[in-house]
Amino acid sequence: LEKEAHNLEKEAHNREKEAGRVEADAAKRRVETVRDEAEHLESQHRALSAQVEQAQAEQAGLEQTRKALQDENLEAAELRENVGRECAGLTAAKERLSLENTAEQERLSSQREEVTSLQEQ
């Protein structure tokens, strides 16, 4: 009986060792799974960080373009104002010349009439 009890104890001990190995293997697999997931998440994090950097660079480029367009719009507005002033100046000069031309034509017409009148005498 003692031998049988000893054998049973030995068998129980072996089964405990085997159960421990199974648990250890399962724990190792869980650790590997967690490590794989961590590596995958780190990879995703690096990819997203790269995308954020690219988006920030694009945003900076767009901001520079916006500022350049704003400057061009201001310059265009100044040019429109200058052209408006020039047009107003040219219109005023045209009206002045037209009045001068009319006055000159009237003077010439008056001189012709005088010449005609003198020729008739």
Foldseek 3Di string as FASTA:
>chain_A
DVVVVVVVVVVVVVVVVVVVVVVVVVVVVVVVVVVVVVVVVVVVVVVVVVVVVVVVVVVVVVVVVVVVVVVVVVVVVVVVVVVVVVVVVVVVVVVVVVVVVVVVVVVVVVVVVVVVVVVVD
